[in-house]
Protein backbone atom coordinates (compact mmCIF):
# COMPACT_ATOMS: atom_id res chain seq x y z
CA MET A 1 138.63 33.89 -18.78
CA LYS A 2 137.59 33.54 -22.46
CA LYS A 3 134.27 31.81 -21.37
CA THR A 4 133.64 34.75 -19.15
CA ILE A 5 133.99 37.22 -21.80
CA ILE A 6 131.67 35.33 -24.20
CA ILE A 7 128.91 35.15 -21.56
CA ALA A 8 129.17 38.97 -21.18
CA LEU A 9 128.98 39.62 -24.88
CA VAL A 10 125.85 37.39 -25.05
CA ALA A 11 124.22 39.33 -22.22
CA ILE A 12 124.94 42.72 -23.85
CA LEU A 13 123.51 41.33 -27.11
CA ILE A 14 120.24 40.30 -25.53
CA ALA A 15 120.00 43.69 -23.59
CA GLY A 16 120.57 45.60 -26.80
CA ILE A 17 117.91 43.67 -28.51
CA GLY A 18 115.39 44.43 -25.69
CA ILE A 19 116.24 48.14 -25.83
CA LEU A 20 115.63 48.00 -29.73
CA TYR A 21 112.19 46.11 -29.26
CA ALA A 22 110.88 48.49 -26.63
CA TYR A 23 111.87 51.50 -28.73
CA PHE A 24 110.04 50.37 -31.82
CA VAL A 25 106.98 49.35 -29.82
CA ASN A 26 106.81 52.74 -28.07
CA LYS A 27 107.16 54.66 -31.54
CA GLN A 28 104.18 52.52 -32.91
CA GLY A 29 102.14 53.37 -30.21
CA ASN A 30 102.55 57.15 -30.29
CA ASN A 31 101.97 57.05 -34.13
CA ALA A 32 98.65 55.10 -33.72
CA GLU A 33 95.15 56.90 -33.93
CA PRO A 34 93.23 56.82 -30.65
CA VAL A 35 90.25 54.38 -30.73
CA GLN A 36 86.86 56.09 -30.82
CA ASN A 37 83.77 55.31 -28.61
CA GLN A 38 81.53 54.18 -31.43
CA THR A 39 77.63 53.77 -30.86
CA PRO A 40 76.64 50.19 -31.60
CA VAL A 41 74.87 49.68 -34.93
CA VAL A 42 71.21 48.74 -34.48
CA ASP A 43 69.11 47.05 -37.06
CA GLU A 44 66.71 49.48 -38.62
CA GLN A 45 63.93 46.92 -38.49
CA GLU A 46 64.08 46.92 -34.69
CA THR A 47 63.37 50.69 -34.23
CA THR A 48 60.61 53.05 -35.22
CA PRO A 49 61.19 56.79 -36.37
CA GLY A 50 61.62 58.98 -33.35
CA GLU A 51 62.72 56.27 -30.83
CA ASN A 52 66.15 55.21 -29.68
CA ASN A 53 66.16 51.66 -28.40
CA MET A 54 69.80 52.01 -26.93
CA ASN A 55 68.76 54.99 -24.85
CA PRO A 56 65.48 54.71 -23.05
CA ALA A 57 65.65 58.02 -21.68
CA ALA A 58 65.72 59.54 -25.22
CA THR A 59 62.13 58.36 -25.95
CA SER A 60 60.59 60.70 -23.49
CA SER A 61 62.62 63.76 -24.93
CA PRO A 62 60.46 66.05 -27.06
CA GLU A 63 63.44 66.55 -29.24
CA VAL A 64 63.72 63.01 -30.46
CA ASN A 65 61.13 63.37 -33.18
CA ASN A 66 60.50 67.04 -33.62
CA THR A 67 58.83 66.90 -37.14
CA PRO A 68 55.09 67.44 -36.74
CA ALA A 69 53.03 64.47 -38.35
CA GLU A 70 51.00 65.13 -41.29
CA THR A 71 47.21 65.31 -40.77
CA PRO A 72 45.62 62.98 -43.03
CA THR A 73 43.20 64.29 -45.61
CA ALA A 74 39.59 63.87 -44.41
CA VAL A 75 37.47 61.64 -46.55
CA PRO A 76 33.77 61.98 -46.32
CA GLU A 77 32.14 58.83 -44.81
CA ASN A 78 30.01 57.00 -47.48
CA LYS A 79 26.94 56.27 -45.54
CA LYS A 80 25.72 52.71 -46.29
CA GLU A 81 22.42 53.42 -44.40
CA GLU A 82 20.58 56.33 -42.86
CA ILE A 83 17.42 57.01 -41.34
CA VAL A 84 15.46 59.59 -43.21
CA GLY A 85 12.41 59.86 -41.24
CA LYS A 86 9.91 58.19 -38.90
CA SER A 87 6.31 56.85 -39.37
CA VAL A 88 3.35 57.87 -37.24
CA GLY A 89 4.22 55.01 -35.05
CA GLY A 90 7.70 56.08 -34.55
CA ALA A 91 9.34 53.46 -36.72
CA GLY A 92 12.49 54.42 -38.57
CA ILE A 93 12.26 54.82 -42.46
CA THR A 94 15.70 53.68 -43.61
CA ALA A 95 17.39 54.59 -46.91
CA TYR A 96 20.23 52.10 -47.95
CA HIS A 97 23.05 53.37 -50.44
CA TYR A 98 25.10 51.37 -52.85
CA GLY A 99 27.76 53.00 -54.93
CA THR A 100 29.30 56.56 -54.80
CA GLY A 101 28.47 58.06 -58.15
CA THR A 102 26.87 61.28 -58.84
CA LYS A 103 23.78 59.77 -60.81
CA GLU A 104 21.50 58.82 -57.92
CA LEU A 105 18.54 56.48 -58.61
CA LEU A 106 15.96 56.11 -55.80
CA PHE A 107 13.77 52.85 -55.48
CA VAL A 108 11.00 52.92 -53.10
CA GLY A 109 8.81 49.98 -51.68
CA GLY A 110 6.04 49.60 -49.19
CA ILE A 111 4.37 52.75 -49.98
CA HIS A 112 1.13 50.75 -49.28
CA GLY A 113 2.54 48.76 -46.49
CA GLY A 114 0.94 45.39 -46.01
CA TYR A 115 -1.28 45.70 -49.12
CA SER A 116 1.77 45.60 -51.24
CA PHE A 117 4.08 43.61 -48.95
CA ASN A 118 5.58 41.89 -51.99
CA THR A 119 7.10 45.30 -52.87
CA VAL A 120 8.91 45.48 -49.64
CA LEU A 121 10.36 41.98 -50.40
CA LEU A 122 11.41 43.00 -53.73
CA ALA A 123 13.23 46.17 -52.54
CA GLU A 124 14.93 43.97 -49.68
CA LYS A 125 16.11 41.65 -52.21
CA LEU A 126 17.57 44.28 -54.49
CA ALA A 127 19.42 45.68 -51.38
CA ASN A 128 20.73 42.24 -50.56
CA THR A 129 21.92 41.71 -54.10
CA LEU A 130 23.75 44.94 -54.30
CA ALA A 131 25.30 44.45 -50.95
CA ALA A 132 26.78 40.98 -52.00
CA ASP A 133 28.14 42.29 -55.06
CA PRO A 134 28.72 46.10 -55.09
CA SER A 135 30.42 45.78 -58.60
CA LEU A 136 26.79 45.65 -60.05
CA VAL A 137 26.41 49.41 -59.41
CA PRO A 138 28.12 51.42 -62.11
CA ALA A 139 31.22 53.73 -61.10
CA ASN A 140 29.10 56.74 -61.65
CA VAL A 141 25.96 55.72 -60.20
CA ARG A 142 24.57 55.57 -56.64
CA VAL A 143 21.44 53.38 -55.98
CA THR A 144 19.24 54.36 -53.02
CA ILE A 145 16.66 51.97 -51.70
CA VAL A 146 13.84 52.86 -49.19
CA GLN A 147 12.49 49.26 -48.50
CA ASN A 148 9.38 50.24 -46.61
CA LEU A 149 8.03 53.68 -46.56
CA ASN A 150 4.94 52.68 -44.69
CA PRO A 151 6.28 50.33 -41.73
CA ASP A 152 3.19 50.94 -39.65
CA GLY A 153 1.11 49.40 -42.44
CA SER A 154 3.25 46.49 -42.83
CA GLN A 155 3.47 46.08 -39.15
CA ASP A 156 -0.47 46.05 -39.18
CA PHE A 157 -0.51 43.43 -41.89
CA MET A 158 2.07 41.15 -40.14
CA ALA A 159 0.26 41.20 -36.73
CA ASN A 160 -3.08 40.22 -38.43
CA ALA A 161 -2.10 37.88 -41.24
CA GLY A 162 -1.68 34.64 -38.95
CA ARG A 163 -1.71 31.75 -41.27
CA PHE A 164 -2.38 33.85 -44.26
CA ASP A 165 -2.25 30.90 -46.76
CA SER A 166 -5.10 29.23 -44.84
CA LEU A 167 -7.44 32.12 -45.14
CA ASP A 168 -10.11 32.54 -48.07
CA ALA A 169 -9.94 35.43 -50.49
CA ALA A 170 -12.21 37.66 -48.73
CA ALA A 171 -10.25 37.54 -45.49
CA LYS A 172 -6.96 38.02 -47.08
CA LEU A 173 -8.21 41.16 -49.04
CA SER A 174 -9.77 42.51 -45.58
CA ILE A 175 -6.14 41.97 -43.93
CA ARG A 176 -4.16 43.45 -46.84
CA THR A 177 -6.47 46.51 -47.18
CA ALA A 178 -6.22 47.35 -43.47
CA GLY A 179 -2.38 47.28 -43.95
CA ARG A 180 -2.50 49.48 -46.94
CA PHE A 181 -2.71 52.71 -44.80
CA ASN A 182 -0.47 54.32 -42.40
CA ALA A 183 -1.36 54.58 -38.54
CA ASN A 184 -3.33 57.75 -39.38
CA LYS A 185 -5.43 55.80 -41.81
CA VAL A 186 -3.99 57.87 -44.70
CA ASP A 187 -3.21 56.43 -48.15
CA LEU A 188 0.38 57.82 -48.57
CA ASN A 189 0.14 57.53 -52.31
CA ARG A 190 -2.54 60.28 -52.03
CA ASN A 191 -0.57 62.53 -49.75
CA PHE A 192 1.94 64.31 -52.14
CA ASP A 193 1.69 67.73 -53.58
CA CYS A 194 0.28 66.99 -57.13
CA ASN A 195 -3.36 67.38 -57.53
CA TRP A 196 -3.69 66.72 -53.89
CA LYS A 197 -7.11 66.18 -52.46
CA ALA A 198 -8.35 65.38 -48.77
CA THR A 199 -10.48 62.48 -50.17
CA GLY A 200 -8.77 60.42 -52.78
CA VAL A 201 -10.00 57.38 -54.89
CA TRP A 202 -8.78 53.91 -54.77
CA GLN A 203 -10.52 51.62 -57.21
CA ASN A 204 -14.23 52.03 -56.33
CA LYS A 205 -13.39 53.18 -52.64
CA THR A 206 -12.84 56.61 -51.03
CA VAL A 207 -9.59 57.04 -49.20
CA SER A 208 -7.93 59.61 -46.97
CA GLY A 209 -5.36 61.82 -48.57
CA GLY A 210 -4.58 63.41 -45.23
CA THR A 211 -5.33 66.71 -43.75
CA ALA A 212 -2.97 68.52 -46.33
CA ALA A 213 -0.29 67.58 -48.88
CA PHE A 214 2.63 66.17 -46.85
CA SER A 215 0.60 66.07 -43.71
CA GLU A 216 2.10 62.55 -42.91
CA PRO A 217 5.60 62.12 -41.73
CA GLU A 218 6.36 59.18 -44.04
CA SER A 219 5.50 61.56 -47.19
CA GLN A 220 7.55 64.18 -45.51
CA ALA A 221 10.56 61.82 -45.34
CA ILE A 222 10.69 61.27 -49.26
CA ARG A 223 10.06 65.02 -49.84
CA ASP A 224 12.84 66.15 -47.53
CA TYR A 225 15.31 63.38 -49.10
CA ALA A 226 14.36 64.69 -52.53
CA LYS A 227 14.97 68.34 -51.66
CA ASN A 228 18.27 67.41 -50.17
CA HIS A 229 19.71 65.13 -53.13
CA SER A 230 20.07 65.58 -56.74
CA LEU A 231 18.05 62.60 -58.01
CA ALA A 232 18.47 61.38 -61.69
CA ALA A 233 15.52 59.07 -61.56
CA VAL A 234 12.89 57.63 -59.20
CA VAL A 235 11.13 54.03 -59.42
CA ALA A 236 8.26 53.32 -57.01
CA TRP A 237 6.84 49.77 -56.77
CA TYR A 238 3.18 48.93 -56.26
CA SER A 239 0.70 45.98 -56.57
CA ALA A 240 -1.18 44.86 -58.38
CA GLY A 241 -1.82 45.70 -61.67
CA GLY A 242 1.12 44.75 -64.09
CA GLY A 243 2.56 47.49 -65.99
CA VAL A 244 5.10 50.47 -65.91
CA TYR A 245 3.57 53.75 -65.75
CA SER A 246 5.09 57.18 -66.87
CA SER A 247 4.45 60.09 -64.37
CA SER A 248 3.27 63.56 -65.13
CA CYS A 249 1.58 66.42 -63.23
CA GLY A 250 -0.24 68.61 -65.60
CA LYS A 251 2.78 69.42 -67.84
CA GLY A 252 3.04 66.34 -69.94
CA ILE A 253 5.38 63.49 -69.57
CA LEU A 254 9.25 64.57 -69.22
CA PRO A 255 11.30 63.08 -72.19
CA GLU A 256 13.59 61.32 -69.75
CA THR A 257 10.61 59.74 -67.92
CA GLN A 258 9.37 58.38 -71.23
CA THR A 259 12.84 56.89 -71.93
CA ILE A 260 13.08 55.09 -68.61
CA THR A 261 9.45 53.77 -68.85
CA ASP A 262 10.23 52.15 -72.32
CA LEU A 263 13.60 50.79 -71.05
CA TYR A 264 12.19 49.22 -67.96
CA ALA A 265 9.21 47.89 -69.76
CA LYS A 266 11.19 46.31 -72.49
CA ALA A 267 13.52 44.68 -70.30
CA SER A 268 11.02 43.37 -67.65
CA GLY A 269 8.28 42.38 -69.89
CA TYR A 270 5.77 44.60 -68.31
CA PRO A 271 3.54 46.67 -70.70
CA ALA A 272 4.51 50.40 -70.73
CA TYR A 273 1.52 52.95 -70.27
CA LYS A 274 1.89 56.70 -70.62
CA ASN A 275 -0.91 57.36 -67.89
CA PHE A 276 -2.85 55.50 -65.29
CA GLU A 277 -6.50 55.71 -66.65
CA SER A 278 -8.25 53.10 -64.42
CA TYR A 279 -9.58 55.75 -62.17
CA GLN A 280 -8.31 59.26 -61.25
CA VAL A 281 -5.34 59.27 -58.78
CA SER A 282 -4.56 62.38 -56.71
CA GLY A 283 -1.54 63.26 -54.72
CA ASP A 284 0.70 60.34 -56.32
CA VAL A 285 4.33 60.35 -55.40
CA THR A 286 5.64 59.75 -58.91
CA ASP A 287 3.50 62.72 -60.22
CA TRP A 288 4.94 64.78 -57.44
CA PHE A 289 8.44 64.04 -58.65
CA ALA A 290 7.37 64.90 -62.13
CA LYS A 291 5.99 68.21 -60.85
CA ASN A 292 9.65 69.03 -59.71
CA ASN A 293 11.27 67.94 -63.01
CA ILE A 294 12.44 64.52 -61.67
CA PRO A 295 11.82 61.39 -63.90
CA ALA A 296 9.92 58.93 -61.99
CA ILE A 297 7.98 55.70 -62.92
CA GLY A 298 5.47 53.71 -61.04
CA VAL A 299 5.95 49.83 -61.63
CA LEU A 300 2.89 47.97 -60.85
CA LEU A 301 3.62 44.07 -60.06
CA ASN A 302 1.16 41.53 -61.47
CA THR A 303 0.12 40.29 -57.93
CA SER A 304 0.31 41.13 -54.40
CA GLU A 305 2.24 38.02 -53.32
CA ASP A 306 5.26 37.42 -55.49
CA GLU A 307 7.99 39.92 -55.71
CA GLU A 308 8.57 38.92 -59.41
CA TRP A 309 12.32 39.29 -59.01
CA ASP A 310 13.48 38.23 -62.33
CA LYS A 311 11.44 40.45 -64.17
CA ASN A 312 12.18 43.49 -62.13
CA TRP A 313 15.83 42.68 -61.90
CA ALA A 314 15.90 42.88 -65.68
CA GLY A 315 14.45 46.24 -65.57
CA ILE A 316 16.68 47.59 -62.79
CA LYS A 317 19.73 46.35 -64.89
CA ALA A 318 18.48 48.13 -67.92
CA LEU A 319 18.40 51.48 -65.87
CA LEU A 320 21.68 50.88 -64.32
CA GLY A 321 23.06 50.36 -67.83
CA TYR A 322 21.55 53.42 -69.05
CA TYR A 323 22.68 55.87 -66.40
CA ALA A 324 26.23 54.17 -66.50
CA LYS A 325 26.67 56.05 -69.61
């Protein structure tokens, strides 16, 4: 009997403990906060603005990114080269640009085509030098190079030169002379509007100055370029003679022209001259620039074969340094 009572008491005790346990568990559950449906955290590096990688449908919704994109400020393209005209024969006349400054220096080679082919080589070497190292152009300077104003005359020279070095002096001169003129047989350095004449003089020869000033498309290309740009100074290369010549057109030499004449001459070693006095020149390109109040010089190389790079590069650097101020 006593044993039965003990077993009953144990059973009642166990049942009580179970009831108490259930009561406390239920109370804890009722007091706890409900678990929220949380969106998974995504690494920002795996998404881009306006996209939701966890919801593909959202990427097609116009409301995902409703902030309009900013329009970038338009920056004018700095043209490295441009066709400024065409020759009588249809060849392009190209101007190459280096630097973005406001002081523009214009260098012109090949005015006399094949006769002065070394001036084309000189202009080309300058272009290659500045392209290889743009830092050579000061920040406030822009260099423009027309390597060959007379491509038809140069082509005529190249087509007929053959083994040029094997020819005698008379044959060389004949080929070079034929390449001096454009396809209309006009001397371009007699076709500009300063004391223009239909018949000009070259050494002891008469040459055509064209039917009118600027009758030729090559000289028109230079004229139109100058009218559309503010040029600080112009250098035109010729051969042969050896010297730096100031320009003028009946109004005397501009002070700035005299300054750059002296600078280029001193640095290069070529002698400086105020005027070309060997014979009368009409329709000269640098004199036309002077007529329009643009400082311009003519640099005559010593020969018609060598581009005389070291001398001219020294003169060019002197001008770059001057206009860098």
